[in-house]
Amino acid sequence: MSFFKKLFSSEKKETLDKGLEKSKATFLNKLTKAVAGKSKVDDEVLDNLEEILVASDVGVNTTLKVIERIEKRVAEDKYVGTEELNQILREEIAGLLSETNSGNATEFVIPNVQNKPYVLMVVGVNGVGKTTTIGKLAYQFKKAGHSVVLGAADTFRAAAIDQLQIWADRVGVPIVRQDMGSDPASVAFDTLQSAVAQNADIVIIDTAGRLHNKINLMNELTKVKRVMQKVVIDSPHDVLLVLDGSTGQNAFEQAKQFTAATDVTSLAVTKLDGTAKGGVVIGISDQFKIPVKYIGVGEGIEDLQVFNKHEFVDSFFK
């Protein structure tokens, strides 16, 4: 497996390297200490590696999978030197991510669908960077030559509507909105009708992020989806869950709650640049068997990237 094949532009790769710097430095410092004075990978090294992976928010279950795979490699090869451990880790973690179809893309592309527009419904709790992610997605898709329409269906908070309006103005894309307290499904319906009339390529729908009552959230999201299907029969084509990577294990709990409330089909993990918890990307993808599509590695408008497992693993372990 080639981890050094050029997939991203040098500028994009530099942004990814910088965004994962804290995670990488913390992980590699611990790994260096774990293998100090050791010439081969033995039980003690594996025990230390297990602790390091768990501390990096990879998660217990995923960590155990990684350790089992490395143990198998050690048993098959009879002797594995500690200098080979970093490369083996890269290969096994990329292998895990491949099992969920995570990280195959290198650019922002819209899949072909039978009925335009492509409808992306975005879910996630307040404060994870959901609206910002929508704005940056709109920017990237417009930059790629696609026509975009935003729908402000998080009508529970006036601030959410206003924030999405700011992003729509900044990016230069149309937005469909109603007053705070309006029916979210009505906003979604109007958005899709508007997008169809404009022959738009993609619609991105913001939704409320309340988790205090999962049944209400489930009912609301189900209603939004049902109403959208009256306009575009096979929508939404993707339900993107936005998670705050800096919260570590709390992101796992949010993923658990939302996957129970609706059919999440992809993930965006934000705020990876401000923390040493980059391992959460690996754990959440593996635990929930949902592909990671996008990662946030900085505050700039260009710092939302498509997730590519080879580039991610290379930056994380470089």
C-alpha atoms as a PDB file:
ATOM      1  CA  MET A   1       0.000   0.000   0.000  1.00  0.00           C
ATOM      2  CA  SER A   2       1.507   3.317  -1.036  1.00  0.00           C
ATOM      3  CA  PHE A   3       0.962   6.053   1.497  1.00  0.00           C
ATOM      4  CA  PHE A   4       3.069   8.617  -0.278  1.00  0.00           C
ATOM      5  CA  LYS A   5       1.290   8.765  -3.607  1.00  0.00           C
ATOM      6  CA  LYS A   6       0.444  12.410  -4.274  1.00  0.00           C
ATOM      7  CA  LEU A   7      -3.328  12.813  -3.930  1.00  0.00           C
ATOM      8  CA  PHE A   8      -3.730  16.326  -2.509  1.00  0.00           C
ATOM      9  CA  SER A   9      -2.144  19.532  -3.737  1.00  0.00           C
ATOM     10  CA  SER A  10       0.882  20.608  -1.710  1.00  0.00           C
ATOM     11  CA  GLU A  11      -1.102  23.520  -0.242  1.00  0.00           C
ATOM     12  CA  LYS A  12      -3.986  21.280   0.786  1.00  0.00           C
ATOM     13  CA  LYS A  13      -1.623  18.703   2.295  1.00  0.00           C
ATOM     14  CA  GLU A  14       0.210  21.415   4.199  1.00  0.00           C
ATOM     15  CA  THR A  15      -3.116  22.542   5.707  1.00  0.00           C
ATOM     16  CA  LEU A  16      -3.908  18.969   6.727  1.00  0.00           C
ATOM     17  CA  ASP A  17      -0.445  18.482   8.257  1.00  0.00           C
ATOM     18  CA  LYS A  18      -0.811  21.689  10.233  1.00  0.00           C
ATOM     19  CA  GLY A  19      -4.347  20.841  11.351  1.00  0.00           C
ATOM     20  CA  LEU A  20      -3.292  17.454  12.727  1.00  0.00           C
ATOM     21  CA  GLU A  21      -0.033  18.738  14.247  1.00  0.00           C
ATOM     22  CA  LYS A  22      -1.189  18.511  17.878  1.00  0.00           C
ATOM     23  CA  SER A  23      -2.623  15.019  17.458  1.00  0.00           C
ATOM     24  CA  LYS A  24       0.462  13.815  15.623  1.00  0.00           C
ATOM     25  CA  ALA A  25       2.968  15.311  18.069  1.00  0.00           C
ATOM     26  CA  THR A  26       1.213  13.881  21.125  1.00  0.00           C
ATOM     27  CA  PHE A  27       0.814  10.446  19.577  1.00  0.00           C
ATOM     28  CA  LEU A  28       4.336  10.128  18.206  1.00  0.00           C
ATOM     29  CA  ASN A  29       5.939  11.404  21.419  1.00  0.00           C
ATOM     30  CA  LYS A  30       4.142   8.710  23.378  1.00  0.00           C
ATOM     31  CA  LEU A  31       4.951   6.067  20.769  1.00  0.00           C
ATOM     32  CA  THR A  32       8.655   6.985  20.850  1.00  0.00           C
ATOM     33  CA  LYS A  33       8.701   6.528  24.624  1.00  0.00           C
ATOM     34  CA  ALA A  34       6.820   3.224  24.350  1.00  0.00           C
ATOM     35  CA  VAL A  35       9.466   1.671  22.081  1.00  0.00           C
ATOM     36  CA  ALA A  36      12.518   3.267  23.716  1.00  0.00           C
ATOM     37  CA  GLY A  37      15.186   0.633  24.295  1.00  0.00           C
ATOM     38  CA  LYS A  38      13.175  -2.006  22.421  1.00  0.00           C
ATOM     39  CA  SER A  39      14.338  -3.627  19.203  1.00  0.00           C
ATOM     40  CA  LYS A  40      11.203  -5.648  18.497  1.00  0.00           C
ATOM     41  CA  VAL A  41       7.467  -5.408  19.031  1.00  0.00           C
ATOM     42  CA  ASP A  42       6.672  -7.519  22.103  1.00  0.00           C
ATOM     43  CA  ASP A  43       3.781  -7.739  24.586  1.00  0.00           C
ATOM     44  CA  GLU A  44       4.997  -4.734  26.553  1.00  0.00           C
ATOM     45  CA  VAL A  45       5.171  -2.553  23.437  1.00  0.00           C
ATOM     46  CA  LEU A  46       1.675  -3.669  22.423  1.00  0.00           C
ATOM     47  CA  ASP A  47       0.307  -2.937  25.905  1.00  0.00           C
ATOM     48  CA  ASN A  48       1.812   0.544  25.748  1.00  0.00           C
ATOM     49  CA  LEU A  49       0.468   1.057  22.234  1.00  0.00           C
ATOM     50  CA  GLU A  50      -3.003   0.083  23.421  1.00  0.00           C
ATOM     51  CA  GLU A  51      -2.872   2.761  26.127  1.00  0.00           C
ATOM     52  CA  ILE A  52      -1.661   5.364  23.627  1.00  0.00           C
ATOM     53  CA  LEU A  53      -4.456   4.633  21.131  1.00  0.00           C
ATOM     54  CA  VAL A  54      -7.139   4.799  23.821  1.00  0.00           C
ATOM     55  CA  ALA A  55      -5.666   8.074  25.140  1.00  0.00           C
ATOM     56  CA  SER A  56      -5.799   9.447  21.568  1.00  0.00           C
ATOM     57  CA  ASP A  57      -9.587   8.873  21.557  1.00  0.00           C
ATOM     58  CA  VAL A  58      -9.459   6.069  19.021  1.00  0.00           C
ATOM     59  CA  GLY A  59     -11.849   4.242  21.362  1.00  0.00           C
ATOM     60  CA  VAL A  60     -11.471   0.946  23.218  1.00  0.00           C
ATOM     61  CA  ASN A  61     -13.165  -1.329  20.685  1.00  0.00           C
ATOM     62  CA  THR A  62     -11.314   0.083  17.698  1.00  0.00           C
ATOM     63  CA  THR A  63      -8.033   0.023  19.629  1.00  0.00           C
ATOM     64  CA  LEU A  64      -8.490  -3.677  20.372  1.00  0.00           C
ATOM     65  CA  LYS A  65      -9.069  -4.342  16.666  1.00  0.00           C
ATOM     66  CA  VAL A  66      -5.861  -2.510  15.756  1.00  0.00           C
ATOM     67  CA  ILE A  67      -3.866  -4.377  18.417  1.00  0.00           C
ATOM     68  CA  GLU A  68      -5.256  -7.741  17.249  1.00  0.00           C
ATOM     69  CA  ARG A  69      -4.240  -6.970  13.659  1.00  0.00           C
ATOM     70  CA  ILE A  70      -0.725  -6.017  14.731  1.00  0.00           C
ATOM     71  CA  GLU A  71      -0.445  -9.137  16.905  1.00  0.00           C
ATOM     72  CA  LYS A  72      -1.373 -11.199  13.861  1.00  0.00           C
ATOM     73  CA  ARG A  73       1.300  -9.458  11.773  1.00  0.00           C
ATOM     74  CA  VAL A  74       3.894 -10.068  14.504  1.00  0.00           C
ATOM     75  CA  ALA A  75       2.921 -13.747  14.748  1.00  0.00           C
ATOM     76  CA  GLU A  76       3.089 -14.230  10.972  1.00  0.00           C
ATOM     77  CA  ASP A  77       6.390 -12.419  10.531  1.00  0.00           C
ATOM     78  CA  LYS A  78       7.929 -13.951  13.698  1.00  0.00           C
ATOM     79  CA  TYR A  79       9.964 -10.785  14.180  1.00  0.00           C
ATOM     80  CA  VAL A  80       8.793  -7.205  13.753  1.00  0.00           C
ATOM     81  CA  GLY A  81      11.220  -4.430  14.639  1.00  0.00           C
ATOM     82  CA  THR A  82       9.997  -1.353  16.466  1.00  0.00           C
ATOM     83  CA  GLU A  83      11.098   0.793  13.533  1.00  0.00           C
ATOM     84  CA  GLU A  84       8.437  -0.977  11.439  1.00  0.00           C
ATOM     85  CA  LEU A  85       5.622  -0.296  13.920  1.00  0.00           C
ATOM     86  CA  ASN A  86       4.723   3.119  12.537  1.00  0.00           C
ATOM     87  CA  GLN A  87       4.294   1.752   8.998  1.00  0.00           C
ATOM     88  CA  ILE A  88       2.258  -1.221  10.221  1.00  0.00           C
ATOM     89  CA  LEU A  89      -0.010   1.132  12.161  1.00  0.00           C
ATOM     90  CA  ARG A  90      -0.581   3.213   9.013  1.00  0.00           C
ATOM     91  CA  GLU A  91      -1.528   0.162   6.984  1.00  0.00           C
ATOM     92  CA  GLU A  92      -3.863  -1.364   9.567  1.00  0.00           C
ATOM     93  CA  ILE A  93      -5.680   1.886  10.345  1.00  0.00           C
ATOM     94  CA  ALA A  94      -6.101   2.690   6.646  1.00  0.00           C
ATOM     95  CA  GLY A  95      -7.436  -0.850   6.290  1.00  0.00           C
ATOM     96  CA  LEU A  96     -10.016  -0.245   9.012  1.00  0.00           C
ATOM     97  CA  LEU A  97     -11.142   2.976   7.353  1.00  0.00           C
ATOM     98  CA  SER A  98     -11.465   1.164   4.023  1.00  0.00           C
ATOM     99  CA  GLU A  99     -14.056  -1.144   5.581  1.00  0.00           C
ATOM    100  CA  THR A 100     -16.477   1.772   5.935  1.00  0.00           C
ATOM    101  CA  ASN A 101     -15.632   3.276   2.521  1.00  0.00           C
ATOM    102  CA  SER A 102     -14.125   6.257   4.313  1.00  0.00           C
ATOM    103  CA  GLY A 103     -11.666   8.519   2.624  1.00  0.00           C
ATOM    104  CA  ASN A 104     -11.712   7.625  -1.054  1.00  0.00           C
ATOM    105  CA  ALA A 105     -12.317  11.137  -2.408  1.00  0.00           C
ATOM    106  CA  THR A 106      -9.821  13.884  -3.127  1.00  0.00           C
ATOM    107  CA  GLU A 107     -12.184  16.626  -4.347  1.00  0.00           C
ATOM    108  CA  PHE A 108     -15.644  18.008  -3.568  1.00  0.00           C
ATOM    109  CA  VAL A 109     -17.897  16.169  -5.995  1.00  0.00           C
ATOM    110  CA  ILE A 110     -21.638  15.564  -6.176  1.00  0.00           C
ATOM    111  CA  PRO A 111     -22.672  11.972  -6.912  1.00  0.00           C
ATOM    112  CA  ASN A 112     -24.937  11.431  -9.898  1.00  0.00           C
ATOM    113  CA  VAL A 113     -28.591  11.083  -8.900  1.00  0.00           C
ATOM    114  CA  GLN A 114     -31.662  10.234 -10.903  1.00  0.00           C
ATOM    115  CA  ASN A 115     -33.572  13.298  -9.731  1.00  0.00           C
ATOM    116  CA  LYS A 116     -31.835  16.666  -9.363  1.00  0.00           C
ATOM    117  CA  PRO A 117     -30.965  18.405  -7.158  1.00  0.00           C
ATOM    118  CA  TYR A 118     -28.687  16.350  -4.932  1.00  0.00           C
ATOM    119  CA  VAL A 119     -30.097  16.846  -1.424  1.00  0.00           C
ATOM    120  CA  LEU A 120     -27.787  16.920   1.580  1.00  0.00           C
ATOM    121  CA  MET A 121     -29.470  17.088   4.995  1.00  0.00           C
ATOM    122  CA  VAL A 122     -27.142  18.135   7.805  1.00  0.00           C
ATOM    123  CA  VAL A 123     -27.691  17.108  11.440  1.00  0.00           C
ATOM    124  CA  GLY A 124     -25.740  17.643  14.658  1.00  0.00           C
ATOM    125  CA  VAL A 125     -26.015  19.327  18.047  1.00  0.00           C
ATOM    126  CA  ASN A 126     -25.622  23.065  18.427  1.00  0.00           C
ATOM    127  CA  GLY A 127     -22.041  24.199  18.856  1.00  0.00           C
ATOM    128  CA  VAL A 128     -20.276  21.478  16.855  1.00  0.00           C
ATOM    129  CA  GLY A 129     -19.741  23.736  13.845  1.00  0.00           C
ATOM    130  CA  LYS A 130     -22.769  22.547  11.887  1.00  0.00           C
ATOM    131  CA  THR A 131     -23.750  25.860  10.275  1.00  0.00           C
ATOM    132  CA  THR A 132     -20.117  26.753   9.605  1.00  0.00           C
ATOM    133  CA  THR A 133     -19.627  23.366   7.938  1.00  0.00           C
ATOM    134  CA  ILE A 134     -22.666  24.013   5.729  1.00  0.00           C
ATOM    135  CA  GLY A 135     -21.266  27.398   4.734  1.00  0.00           C
ATOM    136  CA  LYS A 136     -17.877  25.943   3.887  1.00  0.00           C
ATOM    137  CA  LEU A 137     -19.491  23.103   1.923  1.00  0.00           C
ATOM    138  CA  ALA A 138     -21.500  25.652  -0.060  1.00  0.00           C
ATOM    139  CA  TYR A 139     -18.280  27.526  -0.804  1.00  0.00           C
ATOM    140  CA  GLN A 140     -16.446  24.385  -1.926  1.00  0.00           C
ATOM    141  CA  PHE A 141     -19.278  23.117  -4.125  1.00  0.00           C
ATOM    142  CA  LYS A 142     -19.739  26.535  -5.721  1.00  0.00           C
ATOM    143  CA  LYS A 143     -15.986  26.759  -6.266  1.00  0.00           C
ATOM    144  CA  ALA A 144     -16.195  23.377  -8.021  1.00  0.00           C
ATOM    145  CA  GLY A 145     -18.728  24.870 -10.450  1.00  0.00           C
ATOM    146  CA  HIS A 146     -21.993  23.670  -8.905  1.00  0.00           C
ATOM    147  CA  SER A 147     -25.100  25.742  -8.219  1.00  0.00           C
ATOM    148  CA  VAL A 148     -26.054  25.580  -4.531  1.00  0.00           C
ATOM    149  CA  VAL A 149     -29.200  26.446  -2.541  1.00  0.00           C
ATOM    150  CA  LEU A 150     -29.258  26.544   1.268  1.00  0.00           C
ATOM    151  CA  GLY A 151     -32.290  25.792   3.444  1.00  0.00           C
ATOM    152  CA  ALA A 152     -32.513  27.223   6.970  1.00  0.00           C
ATOM    153  CA  ALA A 153     -34.663  24.504   8.551  1.00  0.00           C
ATOM    154  CA  ASP A 154     -33.162  24.959  12.028  1.00  0.00           C
ATOM    155  CA  THR A 155     -36.051  27.229  12.972  1.00  0.00           C
ATOM    156  CA  PHE A 156     -35.679  26.571  16.694  1.00  0.00           C
ATOM    157  CA  ARG A 157     -33.017  29.309  17.028  1.00  0.00           C
ATOM    158  CA  ALA A 158     -33.088  32.702  15.341  1.00  0.00           C
ATOM    159  CA  ALA A 159     -29.295  32.761  15.595  1.00  0.00           C
ATOM    160  CA  ALA A 160     -29.033  29.630  13.442  1.00  0.00           C
ATOM    161  CA  ILE A 161     -31.115  31.229  10.674  1.00  0.00           C
ATOM    162  CA  ASP A 162     -29.129  34.464  10.826  1.00  0.00           C
ATOM    163  CA  GLN A 163     -25.791  32.633  10.852  1.00  0.00           C
ATOM    164  CA  LEU A 164     -26.738  30.629   7.766  1.00  0.00           C
ATOM    165  CA  GLN A 165     -27.864  33.857   6.070  1.00  0.00           C
ATOM    166  CA  ILE A 166     -24.411  35.366   6.754  1.00  0.00           C
ATOM    167  CA  TRP A 167     -22.761  32.338   5.138  1.00  0.00           C
ATOM    168  CA  ALA A 168     -25.124  32.466   2.145  1.00  0.00           C
ATOM    169  CA  ASP A 169     -24.250  36.144   1.622  1.00  0.00           C
ATOM    170  CA  ARG A 170     -20.536  35.477   2.080  1.00  0.00           C
ATOM    171  CA  VAL A 171     -20.454  32.606  -0.400  1.00  0.00           C
ATOM    172  CA  GLY A 172     -22.955  34.192  -2.786  1.00  0.00           C
ATOM    173  CA  VAL A 173     -25.595  31.445  -2.880  1.00  0.00           C
ATOM    174  CA  PRO A 174     -29.388  31.696  -2.458  1.00  0.00           C
ATOM    175  CA  ILE A 175     -31.018  30.751   0.831  1.00  0.00           C
ATOM    176  CA  VAL A 176     -34.609  29.840   1.681  1.00  0.00           C
ATOM    177  CA  ARG A 177     -35.661  30.871   5.182  1.00  0.00           C
ATOM    178  CA  GLN A 178     -38.741  31.582   7.269  1.00  0.00           C
ATOM    179  CA  ASP A 179     -39.270  33.109  10.700  1.00  0.00           C
ATOM    180  CA  MET A 180     -38.050  31.496  13.894  1.00  0.00           C
ATOM    181  CA  GLY A 181     -40.580  28.915  15.096  1.00  0.00           C
ATOM    182  CA  SER A 182     -41.746  28.024  11.581  1.00  0.00           C
ATOM    183  CA  ASP A 183     -42.280  24.393  10.646  1.00  0.00           C
ATOM    184  CA  PRO A 184     -38.851  22.980   9.616  1.00  0.00           C
ATOM    185  CA  ALA A 185     -40.497  20.641   7.114  1.00  0.00           C
ATOM    186  CA  SER A 186     -42.175  23.622   5.439  1.00  0.00           C
ATOM    187  CA  VAL A 187     -38.785  25.337   5.035  1.00  0.00           C
ATOM    188  CA  ALA A 188     -37.280  22.158   3.563  1.00  0.00           C
ATOM    189  CA  PHE A 189     -40.225  21.796   1.152  1.00  0.00           C
ATOM    190  CA  ASP A 190     -39.911  25.402  -0.029  1.00  0.00           C
ATOM    191  CA  THR A 191     -36.135  25.037  -0.405  1.00  0.00           C
ATOM    192  CA  LEU A 192     -36.432  22.014  -2.674  1.00  0.00           C
ATOM    193  CA  GLN A 193     -39.170  23.633  -4.753  1.00  0.00           C
ATOM    194  CA  SER A 194     -36.980  26.701  -5.196  1.00  0.00           C
ATOM    195  CA  ALA A 195     -33.960  24.572  -6.088  1.00  0.00           C
ATOM    196  CA  VAL A 196     -35.915  22.573  -8.668  1.00  0.00           C
ATOM    197  CA  ALA A 197     -37.205  25.806 -10.233  1.00  0.00           C
ATOM    198  CA  GLN A 198     -33.612  27.076 -10.463  1.00  0.00           C
ATOM    199  CA  ASN A 199     -32.318  23.723 -11.758  1.00  0.00           C
ATOM    200  CA  ALA A 200     -29.795  23.778  -8.899  1.00  0.00           C
ATOM    201  CA  ASP A 201     -27.192  21.039  -8.539  1.00  0.00           C
ATOM    202  CA  ILE A 202     -27.217  20.674  -4.772  1.00  0.00           C
ATOM    203  CA  VAL A 203     -29.390  21.641  -1.814  1.00  0.00           C
ATOM    204  CA  ILE A 204     -27.967  21.738   1.705  1.00  0.00           C
ATOM    205  CA  ILE A 205     -30.583  21.682   4.473  1.00  0.00           C
ATOM    206  CA  ASP A 206     -29.715  22.766   8.019  1.00  0.00           C
ATOM    207  CA  THR A 207     -31.738  21.103  10.789  1.00  0.00           C
ATOM    208  CA  ALA A 208     -32.229  21.650  14.518  1.00  0.00           C
ATOM    209  CA  GLY A 209     -29.655  20.186  16.888  1.00  0.00           C
ATOM    210  CA  ARG A 210     -31.728  19.440  19.967  1.00  0.00           C
ATOM    211  CA  LEU A 211     -31.050  16.154  21.729  1.00  0.00           C
ATOM    212  CA  HIS A 212     -32.930  16.710  24.977  1.00  0.00           C
ATOM    213  CA  ASN A 213     -35.846  14.726  23.588  1.00  0.00           C
ATOM    214  CA  LYS A 214     -34.718  12.115  21.091  1.00  0.00           C
ATOM    215  CA  ILE A 215     -38.281  11.120  20.165  1.00  0.00           C
ATOM    216  CA  ASN A 216     -39.159  14.699  19.156  1.00  0.00           C
ATOM    217  CA  LEU A 217     -35.931  14.959  17.152  1.00  0.00           C
ATOM    218  CA  MET A 218     -36.628  11.643  15.437  1.00  0.00           C
ATOM    219  CA  ASN A 219     -40.176  12.685  14.560  1.00  0.00           C
ATOM    220  CA  GLU A 220     -39.046  16.075  13.270  1.00  0.00           C
ATOM    221  CA  LEU A 221     -36.286  14.665  11.045  1.00  0.00           C
ATOM    222  CA  THR A 222     -38.610  11.951   9.738  1.00  0.00           C
ATOM    223  CA  LYS A 223     -41.204  14.584   8.844  1.00  0.00           C
ATOM    224  CA  VAL A 224     -38.597  16.752   7.099  1.00  0.00           C
ATOM    225  CA  LYS A 225     -37.458  13.787   5.004  1.00  0.00           C
ATOM    226  CA  ARG A 226     -41.017  12.752   4.142  1.00  0.00           C
ATOM    227  CA  VAL A 227     -41.985  16.240   3.013  1.00  0.00           C
ATOM    228  CA  MET A 228     -38.815  16.644   0.900  1.00  0.00           C
ATOM    229  CA  GLN A 229     -39.647  13.403  -0.907  1.00  0.00           C
ATOM    230  CA  LYS A 230     -42.813  15.042  -2.227  1.00  0.00           C
ATOM    231  CA  VAL A 231     -40.542  17.297  -4.298  1.00  0.00           C
ATOM    232  CA  VAL A 232     -37.490  15.076  -4.942  1.00  0.00           C
ATOM    233  CA  ILE A 233     -38.626  11.495  -4.580  1.00  0.00           C
ATOM    234  CA  ASP A 234     -35.345   9.910  -3.455  1.00  0.00           C
ATOM    235  CA  SER A 235     -34.208  12.695  -1.136  1.00  0.00           C
ATOM    236  CA  PRO A 236     -32.323  13.219   1.033  1.00  0.00           C
ATOM    237  CA  HIS A 237     -29.466  11.560  -0.818  1.00  0.00           C
ATOM    238  CA  ASP A 238     -27.134  11.988   2.132  1.00  0.00           C
ATOM    239  CA  VAL A 239     -27.672  12.660   5.856  1.00  0.00           C
ATOM    240  CA  LEU A 240     -24.454  14.213   7.135  1.00  0.00           C
ATOM    241  CA  LEU A 241     -23.787  14.174  10.882  1.00  0.00           C
ATOM    242  CA  VAL A 242     -21.409  16.918  12.033  1.00  0.00           C
ATOM    243  CA  LEU A 243     -19.332  16.072  15.122  1.00  0.00           C
ATOM    244  CA  ASP A 244     -16.906  18.204  17.128  1.00  0.00           C
ATOM    245  CA  GLY A 245     -13.644  16.251  17.135  1.00  0.00           C
ATOM    246  CA  SER A 246     -12.274  18.281  20.051  1.00  0.00           C
ATOM    247  CA  THR A 247     -14.829  16.718  22.408  1.00  0.00           C
ATOM    248  CA  GLY A 248     -13.277  13.269  22.097  1.00  0.00           C
ATOM    249  CA  GLN A 249     -15.472  10.613  23.674  1.00  0.00           C
ATOM    250  CA  ASN A 250     -18.460  12.969  23.796  1.00  0.00           C
ATOM    251  CA  ALA A 251     -18.470  12.861  19.993  1.00  0.00           C
ATOM    252  CA  PHE A 252     -19.013   9.092  20.246  1.00  0.00           C
ATOM    253  CA  GLU A 253     -22.087   9.707  22.424  1.00  0.00           C
ATOM    254  CA  GLN A 254     -23.481  12.259  19.976  1.00  0.00           C
ATOM    255  CA  ALA A 255     -22.975   9.801  17.121  1.00  0.00           C
ATOM    256  CA  LYS A 256     -24.807   7.151  19.138  1.00  0.00           C
ATOM    257  CA  GLN A 257     -27.749   9.481  19.808  1.00  0.00           C
ATOM    258  CA  PHE A 258     -28.123  10.706  16.238  1.00  0.00           C
ATOM    259  CA  THR A 259     -27.735   7.312  14.593  1.00  0.00           C
ATOM    260  CA  ALA A 260     -30.567   6.142  16.858  1.00  0.00           C
ATOM    261  CA  ALA A 261     -32.717   9.130  15.836  1.00  0.00           C
ATOM    262  CA  THR A 262     -32.206   9.052  12.057  1.00  0.00           C
ATOM    263  CA  ASP A 263     -30.418   7.224   9.243  1.00  0.00           C
ATOM    264  CA  VAL A 264     -27.034   8.943   9.220  1.00  0.00           C
ATOM    265  CA  THR A 265     -25.140   8.103   6.026  1.00  0.00           C
ATOM    266  CA  SER A 266     -21.928  10.144   6.374  1.00  0.00           C
ATOM    267  CA  LEU A 267     -19.853  12.095   8.907  1.00  0.00           C
ATOM    268  CA  ALA A 268     -18.030  15.411   9.102  1.00  0.00           C
ATOM    269  CA  VAL A 269     -15.586  15.780  11.999  1.00  0.00           C
ATOM    270  CA  THR A 270     -14.712  19.401  12.813  1.00  0.00           C
ATOM    271  CA  LYS A 271     -12.223  21.306  14.993  1.00  0.00           C
ATOM    272  CA  LEU A 272      -9.407  18.782  14.685  1.00  0.00           C
ATOM    273  CA  ASP A 273      -6.790  21.518  14.599  1.00  0.00           C
ATOM    274  CA  GLY A 274      -7.278  22.733  18.174  1.00  0.00           C
ATOM    275  CA  THR A 275      -6.846  19.428  19.957  1.00  0.00           C
ATOM    276  CA  ALA A 276      -4.785  16.244  20.239  1.00  0.00           C
ATOM    277  CA  LYS A 277      -7.900  14.100  19.728  1.00  0.00           C
ATOM    278  CA  GLY A 278      -7.534  13.352  16.023  1.00  0.00           C
ATOM    279  CA  GLY A 279      -7.870   9.636  16.714  1.00  0.00           C
ATOM    280  CA  VAL A 280     -11.604  10.175  17.167  1.00  0.00           C
ATOM    281  CA  VAL A 281     -11.961  10.162  13.344  1.00  0.00           C
ATOM    282  CA  ILE A 282     -10.676   6.578  13.224  1.00  0.00           C
ATOM    283  CA  GLY A 283     -12.774   5.336  16.138  1.00  0.00           C
ATOM    284  CA  ILE A 284     -16.103   6.865  15.151  1.00  0.00           C
ATOM    285  CA  SER A 285     -15.854   5.683  11.544  1.00  0.00           C
ATOM    286  CA  ASP A 286     -15.059   2.148  12.693  1.00  0.00           C
ATOM    287  CA  GLN A 287     -17.565   1.975  15.562  1.00  0.00           C
ATOM    288  CA  PHE A 288     -20.584   3.207  13.642  1.00  0.00           C
ATOM    289  CA  LYS A 289     -19.639   1.857  10.205  1.00  0.00           C
ATOM    290  CA  ILE A 290     -20.392   5.257   8.687  1.00  0.00           C
ATOM    291  CA  PRO A 291     -17.937   6.821   6.240  1.00  0.00           C
ATOM    292  CA  VAL A 292     -16.181  10.043   7.164  1.00  0.00           C
ATOM    293  CA  LYS A 293     -16.602  12.462   4.237  1.00  0.00           C
ATOM    294  CA  TYR A 294     -15.215  15.746   5.527  1.00  0.00           C
ATOM    295  CA  ILE A 295     -12.866  16.988   8.234  1.00  0.00           C
ATOM    296  CA  GLY A 296     -12.314  20.475   9.620  1.00  0.00           C
ATOM    297  CA  VAL A 297      -8.646  21.275  10.168  1.00  0.00           C
ATOM    298  CA  GLY A 298      -8.770  25.039  10.661  1.00  0.00           C
ATOM    299  CA  GLU A 299     -10.999  28.098  10.864  1.00  0.00           C
ATOM    300  CA  GLY A 300     -10.435  29.330   7.296  1.00  0.00           C
ATOM    301  CA  ILE A 301     -13.022  28.846   4.570  1.00  0.00           C
ATOM    302  CA  GLU A 302     -10.623  26.494   2.740  1.00  0.00           C
ATOM    303  CA  ASP A 303      -9.934  24.439   5.873  1.00  0.00           C
ATOM    304  CA  LEU A 304     -12.851  22.053   5.462  1.00  0.00           C
ATOM    305  CA  GLN A 305     -11.382  19.193   3.451  1.00  0.00           C
ATOM    306  CA  VAL A 306     -12.685  16.038   1.867  1.00  0.00           C
ATOM    307  CA  PHE A 307     -11.451  13.165   4.006  1.00  0.00           C
ATOM    308  CA  ASN A 308      -8.895  10.971   2.295  1.00  0.00           C
ATOM    309  CA  LYS A 309      -7.699   8.088   4.452  1.00  0.00           C
ATOM    310  CA  HIS A 310      -4.232   7.881   2.919  1.00  0.00           C
ATOM    311  CA  GLU A 311      -3.569  11.598   3.316  1.00  0.00           C
ATOM    312  CA  PHE A 312      -5.013  11.565   6.851  1.00  0.00           C
ATOM    313  CA  VAL A 313      -2.969   8.560   7.965  1.00  0.00           C
ATOM    314  CA  ASP A 314       0.153  10.004   6.385  1.00  0.00           C
ATOM    315  CA  SER A 315      -0.319  13.329   8.187  1.00  0.00           C
ATOM    316  CA  PHE A 316      -1.198  11.641  11.480  1.00  0.00           C
ATOM    317  CA  PHE A 317       1.834   9.338  11.534  1.00  0.00           C
ATOM    318  CA  LYS A 318       4.379  11.339   9.523  1.00  0.00           C
END
